[in-house]
Amino acid sequence: PSPYVEAKALVNLSRLARYLNRLQ
């Protein structure tokens, strides 16, 4: 299962988190 842990982010996760927290 290690590739699931090692995978890098595809999108800017800080930006995504800001959007998601605001939408929630």
PDB file of all heavy atoms in Angstrom:
ATOM      1  N   PRO A   1       0.784  -1.225   0.000  1.00  0.00           N
ATOM      2  CA  PRO A   1       0.000   0.000   0.000  1.00  0.00           C
ATOM      3  C   PRO A   1       0.825   1.290   0.000  1.00  0.00           C
ATOM      4  O   PRO A   1       0.271   2.384  -0.027  1.00  0.00           O
ATOM      5  CB  PRO A   1      -0.816  -0.100   1.287  1.00  0.00           C
ATOM      6  CG  PRO A   1       0.085  -0.863   2.214  1.00  0.00           C
ATOM      7  CD  PRO A   1       0.812  -1.853   1.325  1.00  0.00           C
ATOM      8  N   SER A   2       2.162   1.172   0.000  1.00  0.00           N
ATOM      9  CA  SER A   2       2.992   2.369   0.162  1.00  0.00           C
ATOM     10  C   SER A   2       2.765   3.457  -0.900  1.00  0.00           C
ATOM     11  O   SER A   2       2.864   4.642  -0.554  1.00  0.00           O
ATOM     12  CB  SER A   2       4.471   1.992   0.240  1.00  0.00           C
ATOM     13  OG  SER A   2       4.922   1.430  -0.974  1.00  0.00           O
ATOM     14  N   PRO A   3       2.451   3.145  -2.171  1.00  0.00           N
ATOM     15  CA  PRO A   3       2.220   4.245  -3.113  1.00  0.00           C
ATOM     16  C   PRO A   3       1.076   5.176  -2.695  1.00  0.00           C
ATOM     17  O   PRO A   3       1.105   6.368  -2.995  1.00  0.00           O
ATOM     18  CB  PRO A   3       1.898   3.536  -4.425  1.00  0.00           C
ATOM     19  CG  PRO A   3       2.612   2.227  -4.318  1.00  0.00           C
ATOM     20  CD  PRO A   3       2.482   1.852  -2.869  1.00  0.00           C
ATOM     21  N   TYR A   4       0.105   4.648  -1.982  1.00  0.00           N
ATOM     22  CA  TYR A   4      -1.003   5.493  -1.524  1.00  0.00           C
ATOM     23  C   TYR A   4      -0.538   6.505  -0.473  1.00  0.00           C
ATOM     24  O   TYR A   4      -1.119   7.573  -0.335  1.00  0.00           O
ATOM     25  CB  TYR A   4      -2.139   4.637  -0.954  1.00  0.00           C
ATOM     26  CG  TYR A   4      -2.825   3.767  -1.975  1.00  0.00           C
ATOM     27  CD1 TYR A   4      -2.643   2.392  -1.982  1.00  0.00           C
ATOM     28  CD2 TYR A   4      -3.657   4.330  -2.927  1.00  0.00           C
ATOM     29  CE1 TYR A   4      -3.280   1.587  -2.912  1.00  0.00           C
ATOM     30  CE2 TYR A   4      -4.297   3.524  -3.864  1.00  0.00           C
ATOM     31  CZ  TYR A   4      -4.108   2.157  -3.857  1.00  0.00           C
ATOM     32  OH  TYR A   4      -4.737   1.376  -4.790  1.00  0.00           O
ATOM     33  N   VAL A   5       0.494   6.148   0.274  1.00  0.00           N
ATOM     34  CA  VAL A   5       1.063   7.054   1.276  1.00  0.00           C
ATOM     35  C   VAL A   5       2.052   8.023   0.621  1.00  0.00           C
ATOM     36  O   VAL A   5       2.084   9.210   0.953  1.00  0.00           O
ATOM     37  CB  VAL A   5       1.762   6.251   2.397  1.00  0.00           C
ATOM     38  CG1 VAL A   5       2.501   7.176   3.353  1.00  0.00           C
ATOM     39  CG2 VAL A   5       0.749   5.394   3.146  1.00  0.00           C
ATOM     40  N   GLU A   6       2.840   7.512  -0.322  1.00  0.00           N
ATOM     41  CA  GLU A   6       3.911   8.298  -0.942  1.00  0.00           C
ATOM     42  C   GLU A   6       3.415   9.314  -1.969  1.00  0.00           C
ATOM     43  O   GLU A   6       4.148  10.244  -2.303  1.00  0.00           O
ATOM     44  CB  GLU A   6       4.899   7.353  -1.634  1.00  0.00           C
ATOM     45  CG  GLU A   6       5.639   6.445  -0.686  1.00  0.00           C
ATOM     46  CD  GLU A   6       6.399   5.341  -1.411  1.00  0.00           C
ATOM     47  OE1 GLU A   6       6.585   5.433  -2.647  1.00  0.00           O
ATOM     48  OE2 GLU A   6       6.792   4.379  -0.735  1.00  0.00           O
ATOM     49  N   ALA A   7       2.223   9.143  -2.480  1.00  0.00           N
ATOM     50  CA  ALA A   7       1.716  10.004  -3.560  1.00  0.00           C
ATOM     51  C   ALA A   7       1.760  11.480  -3.159  1.00  0.00           C
ATOM     52  O   ALA A   7       1.347  11.846  -2.056  1.00  0.00           O
ATOM     53  CB  ALA A   7       0.294   9.601  -3.923  1.00  0.00           C
ATOM     54  N   LYS A   8       2.279  12.290  -4.047  1.00  0.00           N
ATOM     55  CA  LYS A   8       2.321  13.742  -3.842  1.00  0.00           C
ATOM     56  C   LYS A   8       0.963  14.340  -4.196  1.00  0.00           C
ATOM     57  O   LYS A   8       0.150  13.741  -4.887  1.00  0.00           O
ATOM     58  CB  LYS A   8       3.401  14.381  -4.724  1.00  0.00           C
ATOM     59  CG  LYS A   8       4.785  13.808  -4.533  1.00  0.00           C
ATOM     60  CD  LYS A   8       5.378  14.221  -3.220  1.00  0.00           C
ATOM     61  CE  LYS A   8       6.807  13.731  -3.110  1.00  0.00           C
ATOM     62  NZ  LYS A   8       7.147  13.237  -1.813  1.00  0.00           N
ATOM     63  N   ALA A   9       0.753  15.544  -3.756  1.00  0.00           N
ATOM     64  CA  ALA A   9      -0.498  16.247  -4.052  1.00  0.00           C
ATOM     65  C   ALA A   9      -0.565  16.602  -5.538  1.00  0.00           C
ATOM     66  O   ALA A   9       0.446  16.949  -6.149  1.00  0.00           O
ATOM     67  CB  ALA A   9      -0.607  17.507  -3.225  1.00  0.00           C
ATOM     68  N   LEU A  10      -1.761  16.543  -6.092  1.00  0.00           N
ATOM     69  CA  LEU A  10      -1.981  16.929  -7.484  1.00  0.00           C
ATOM     70  C   LEU A  10      -2.365  18.400  -7.580  1.00  0.00           C
ATOM     71  O   LEU A  10      -2.138  19.034  -8.596  1.00  0.00           O
ATOM     72  CB  LEU A  10      -3.082  16.055  -8.095  1.00  0.00           C
ATOM     73  CG  LEU A  10      -3.361  16.255  -9.572  1.00  0.00           C
ATOM     74  CD1 LEU A  10      -2.158  15.823 -10.409  1.00  0.00           C
ATOM     75  CD2 LEU A  10      -4.576  15.451 -10.002  1.00  0.00           C
ATOM     76  N   VAL A  11      -2.944  18.929  -6.528  1.00  0.00           N
ATOM     77  CA  VAL A  11      -3.398  20.327  -6.507  1.00  0.00           C
ATOM     78  C   VAL A  11      -2.755  21.033  -5.319  1.00  0.00           C
ATOM     79  O   VAL A  11      -2.194  20.391  -4.428  1.00  0.00           O
ATOM     80  CB  VAL A  11      -4.939  20.423  -6.414  1.00  0.00           C
ATOM     81  CG1 VAL A  11      -5.604  19.770  -7.616  1.00  0.00           C
ATOM     82  CG2 VAL A  11      -5.462  19.805  -5.129  1.00  0.00           C
ATOM     83  N   ASN A  12      -2.850  22.339  -5.290  1.00  0.00           N
ATOM     84  CA  ASN A  12      -2.358  23.120  -4.159  1.00  0.00           C
ATOM     85  C   ASN A  12      -3.287  22.849  -2.969  1.00  0.00           C
ATOM     86  O   ASN A  12      -4.418  23.341  -2.926  1.00  0.00           O
ATOM     87  CB  ASN A  12      -2.344  24.598  -4.521  1.00  0.00           C
ATOM     88  CG  ASN A  12      -1.852  25.465  -3.390  1.00  0.00           C
ATOM     89  OD1 ASN A  12      -2.190  25.262  -2.229  1.00  0.00           O
ATOM     90  ND2 ASN A  12      -1.056  26.462  -3.733  1.00  0.00           N
ATOM     91  N   LEU A  13      -2.796  22.061  -2.031  1.00  0.00           N
ATOM     92  CA  LEU A  13      -3.652  21.617  -0.929  1.00  0.00           C
ATOM     93  C   LEU A  13      -3.974  22.720   0.073  1.00  0.00           C
ATOM     94  O   LEU A  13      -5.040  22.703   0.684  1.00  0.00           O
ATOM     95  CB  LEU A  13      -3.030  20.412  -0.232  1.00  0.00           C
ATOM     96  CG  LEU A  13      -2.947  19.156  -1.110  1.00  0.00           C
ATOM     97  CD1 LEU A  13      -2.221  18.048  -0.364  1.00  0.00           C
ATOM     98  CD2 LEU A  13      -4.323  18.681  -1.550  1.00  0.00           C
ATOM     99  N   SER A  14      -3.093  23.685   0.249  1.00  0.00           N
ATOM    100  CA  SER A  14      -3.407  24.807   1.135  1.00  0.00           C
ATOM    101  C   SER A  14      -4.578  25.601   0.573  1.00  0.00           C
ATOM    102  O   SER A  14      -5.508  25.954   1.307  1.00  0.00           O
ATOM    103  CB  SER A  14      -2.194  25.725   1.294  1.00  0.00           C
ATOM    104  OG  SER A  14      -1.150  25.050   1.923  1.00  0.00           O
ATOM    105  N   ARG A  15      -4.522  25.868  -0.720  1.00  0.00           N
ATOM    106  CA  ARG A  15      -5.620  26.583  -1.371  1.00  0.00           C
ATOM    107  C   ARG A  15      -6.916  25.766  -1.306  1.00  0.00           C
ATOM    108  O   ARG A  15      -7.983  26.301  -1.011  1.00  0.00           O
ATOM    109  CB  ARG A  15      -5.231  26.868  -2.824  1.00  0.00           C
ATOM    110  CG  ARG A  15      -6.237  27.678  -3.589  1.00  0.00           C
ATOM    111  CD  ARG A  15      -5.729  27.969  -4.997  1.00  0.00           C
ATOM    112  NE  ARG A  15      -6.710  28.723  -5.750  1.00  0.00           N
ATOM    113  CZ  ARG A  15      -6.806  28.710  -7.063  1.00  0.00           C
ATOM    114  NH1 ARG A  15      -5.954  27.989  -7.780  1.00  0.00           N
ATOM    115  NH2 ARG A  15      -7.728  29.405  -7.672  1.00  0.00           N
ATOM    116  N   LEU A  16      -6.801  24.467  -1.578  1.00  0.00           N
ATOM    117  CA  LEU A  16      -7.981  23.604  -1.531  1.00  0.00           C
ATOM    118  C   LEU A  16      -8.594  23.608  -0.134  1.00  0.00           C
ATOM    119  O   LEU A  16      -9.813  23.741   0.009  1.00  0.00           O
ATOM    120  CB  LEU A  16      -7.611  22.176  -1.945  1.00  0.00           C
ATOM    121  CG  LEU A  16      -8.761  21.172  -1.909  1.00  0.00           C
ATOM    122  CD1 LEU A  16      -9.878  21.558  -2.862  1.00  0.00           C
ATOM    123  CD2 LEU A  16      -8.249  19.766  -2.205  1.00  0.00           C
ATOM    124  N   ALA A  17      -7.765  23.478   0.893  1.00  0.00           N
ATOM    125  CA  ALA A  17      -8.279  23.457   2.265  1.00  0.00           C
ATOM    126  C   ALA A  17      -9.011  24.760   2.594  1.00  0.00           C
ATOM    127  O   ALA A  17     -10.057  24.737   3.253  1.00  0.00           O
ATOM    128  CB  ALA A  17      -7.147  23.214   3.256  1.00  0.00           C
ATOM    129  N   ARG A  18      -8.473  25.888   2.142  1.00  0.00           N
ATOM    130  CA  ARG A  18      -9.155  27.170   2.390  1.00  0.00           C
ATOM    131  C   ARG A  18     -10.548  27.168   1.756  1.00  0.00           C
ATOM    132  O   ARG A  18     -11.530  27.577   2.391  1.00  0.00           O
ATOM    133  CB  ARG A  18      -8.319  28.337   1.863  1.00  0.00           C
ATOM    134  CG  ARG A  18      -7.133  28.668   2.747  1.00  0.00           C
ATOM    135  CD  ARG A  18      -6.482  29.996   2.401  1.00  0.00           C
ATOM    136  NE  ARG A  18      -6.018  30.094   1.030  1.00  0.00           N
ATOM    137  CZ  ARG A  18      -4.821  29.701   0.601  1.00  0.00           C
ATOM    138  NH1 ARG A  18      -3.964  29.135   1.442  1.00  0.00           N
ATOM    139  NH2 ARG A  18      -4.475  29.844  -0.666  1.00  0.00           N
ATOM    140  N   TYR A  19     -10.635  26.723   0.514  1.00  0.00           N
ATOM    141  CA  TYR A  19     -11.941  26.644  -0.146  1.00  0.00           C
ATOM    142  C   TYR A  19     -12.882  25.694   0.596  1.00  0.00           C
ATOM    143  O   TYR A  19     -14.045  26.018   0.849  1.00  0.00           O
ATOM    144  CB  TYR A  19     -11.796  26.157  -1.593  1.00  0.00           C
ATOM    145  CG  TYR A  19     -11.559  27.246  -2.603  1.00  0.00           C
ATOM    146  CD1 TYR A  19     -10.344  27.361  -3.251  1.00  0.00           C
ATOM    147  CD2 TYR A  19     -12.566  28.145  -2.936  1.00  0.00           C
ATOM    148  CE1 TYR A  19     -10.112  28.355  -4.204  1.00  0.00           C
ATOM    149  CE2 TYR A  19     -12.360  29.134  -3.880  1.00  0.00           C
ATOM    150  CZ  TYR A  19     -11.130  29.227  -4.508  1.00  0.00           C
ATOM    151  OH  TYR A  19     -10.923  30.207  -5.442  1.00  0.00           O
ATOM    152  N   LEU A  20     -12.381  24.510   0.930  1.00  0.00           N
ATOM    153  CA  LEU A  20     -13.246  23.507   1.546  1.00  0.00           C
ATOM    154  C   LEU A  20     -13.740  23.946   2.913  1.00  0.00           C
ATOM    155  O   LEU A  20     -14.919  23.761   3.245  1.00  0.00           O
ATOM    156  CB  LEU A  20     -12.520  22.167   1.628  1.00  0.00           C
ATOM    157  CG  LEU A  20     -12.150  21.538   0.281  1.00  0.00           C
ATOM    158  CD1 LEU A  20     -11.509  20.181   0.488  1.00  0.00           C
ATOM    159  CD2 LEU A  20     -13.346  21.451  -0.645  1.00  0.00           C
ATOM    160  N   ASN A  21     -12.864  24.540   3.707  1.00  0.00           N
ATOM    161  CA  ASN A  21     -13.293  25.007   5.024  1.00  0.00           C
ATOM    162  C   ASN A  21     -14.330  26.121   4.893  1.00  0.00           C
ATOM    163  O   ASN A  21     -15.308  26.163   5.654  1.00  0.00           O
ATOM    164  CB  ASN A  21     -12.086  25.436   5.854  1.00  0.00           C
ATOM    165  CG  ASN A  21     -11.282  24.235   6.311  1.00  0.00           C
ATOM    166  OD1 ASN A  21     -11.831  23.213   6.692  1.00  0.00           O
ATOM    167  ND2 ASN A  21      -9.972  24.349   6.253  1.00  0.00           N
ATOM    168  N   ARG A  22     -14.141  26.992   3.926  1.00  0.00           N
ATOM    169  CA  ARG A  22     -15.117  28.063   3.716  1.00  0.00           C
ATOM    170  C   ARG A  22     -16.456  27.498   3.235  1.00  0.00           C
ATOM    171  O   ARG A  22     -17.520  27.903   3.730  1.00  0.00           O
ATOM    172  CB  ARG A  22     -14.573  29.069   2.703  1.00  0.00           C
ATOM    173  CG  ARG A  22     -15.493  30.234   2.492  1.00  0.00           C
ATOM    174  CD  ARG A  22     -14.771  31.433   1.939  1.00  0.00           C
ATOM    175  NE  ARG A  22     -15.713  32.514   1.752  1.00  0.00           N
ATOM    176  CZ  ARG A  22     -15.571  33.458   0.862  1.00  0.00           C
ATOM    177  NH1 ARG A  22     -14.511  33.481   0.080  1.00  0.00           N
ATOM    178  NH2 ARG A  22     -16.466  34.406   0.741  1.00  0.00           N
ATOM    179  N   LEU A  23     -16.417  26.563   2.291  1.00  0.00           N
ATOM    180  CA  LEU A  23     -17.655  25.951   1.788  1.00  0.00           C
ATOM    181  C   LEU A  23     -18.385  25.207   2.895  1.00  0.00           C
ATOM    182  O   LEU A  23     -19.612  25.272   2.989  1.00  0.00           O
ATOM    183  CB  LEU A  23     -17.342  25.024   0.615  1.00  0.00           C
ATOM    184  CG  LEU A  23     -16.971  25.740  -0.679  1.00  0.00           C
ATOM    185  CD1 LEU A  23     -16.279  24.794  -1.652  1.00  0.00           C
ATOM    186  CD2 LEU A  23     -18.219  26.359  -1.319  1.00  0.00           C
ATOM    187  N   GLN A  24     -17.650  24.536   3.749  1.00  0.00           N
ATOM    188  CA  GLN A  24     -18.282  23.803   4.846  1.00  0.00           C
ATOM    189  C   GLN A  24     -18.935  24.778   5.832  1.00  0.00           C
ATOM    190  O   GLN A  24     -20.043  24.525   6.304  1.00  0.00           O
ATOM    191  CB  GLN A  24     -17.251  22.911   5.528  1.00  0.00           C
ATOM    192  CG  GLN A  24     -17.868  21.741   6.255  1.00  0.00           C
ATOM    193  CD  GLN A  24     -16.838  20.716   6.647  1.00  0.00           C
ATOM    194  OE1 GLN A  24     -15.703  21.059   6.999  1.00  0.00           O
ATOM    195  NE2 GLN A  24     -17.207  19.453   6.586  1.00  0.00           N
TER     196      GLN A  24
END
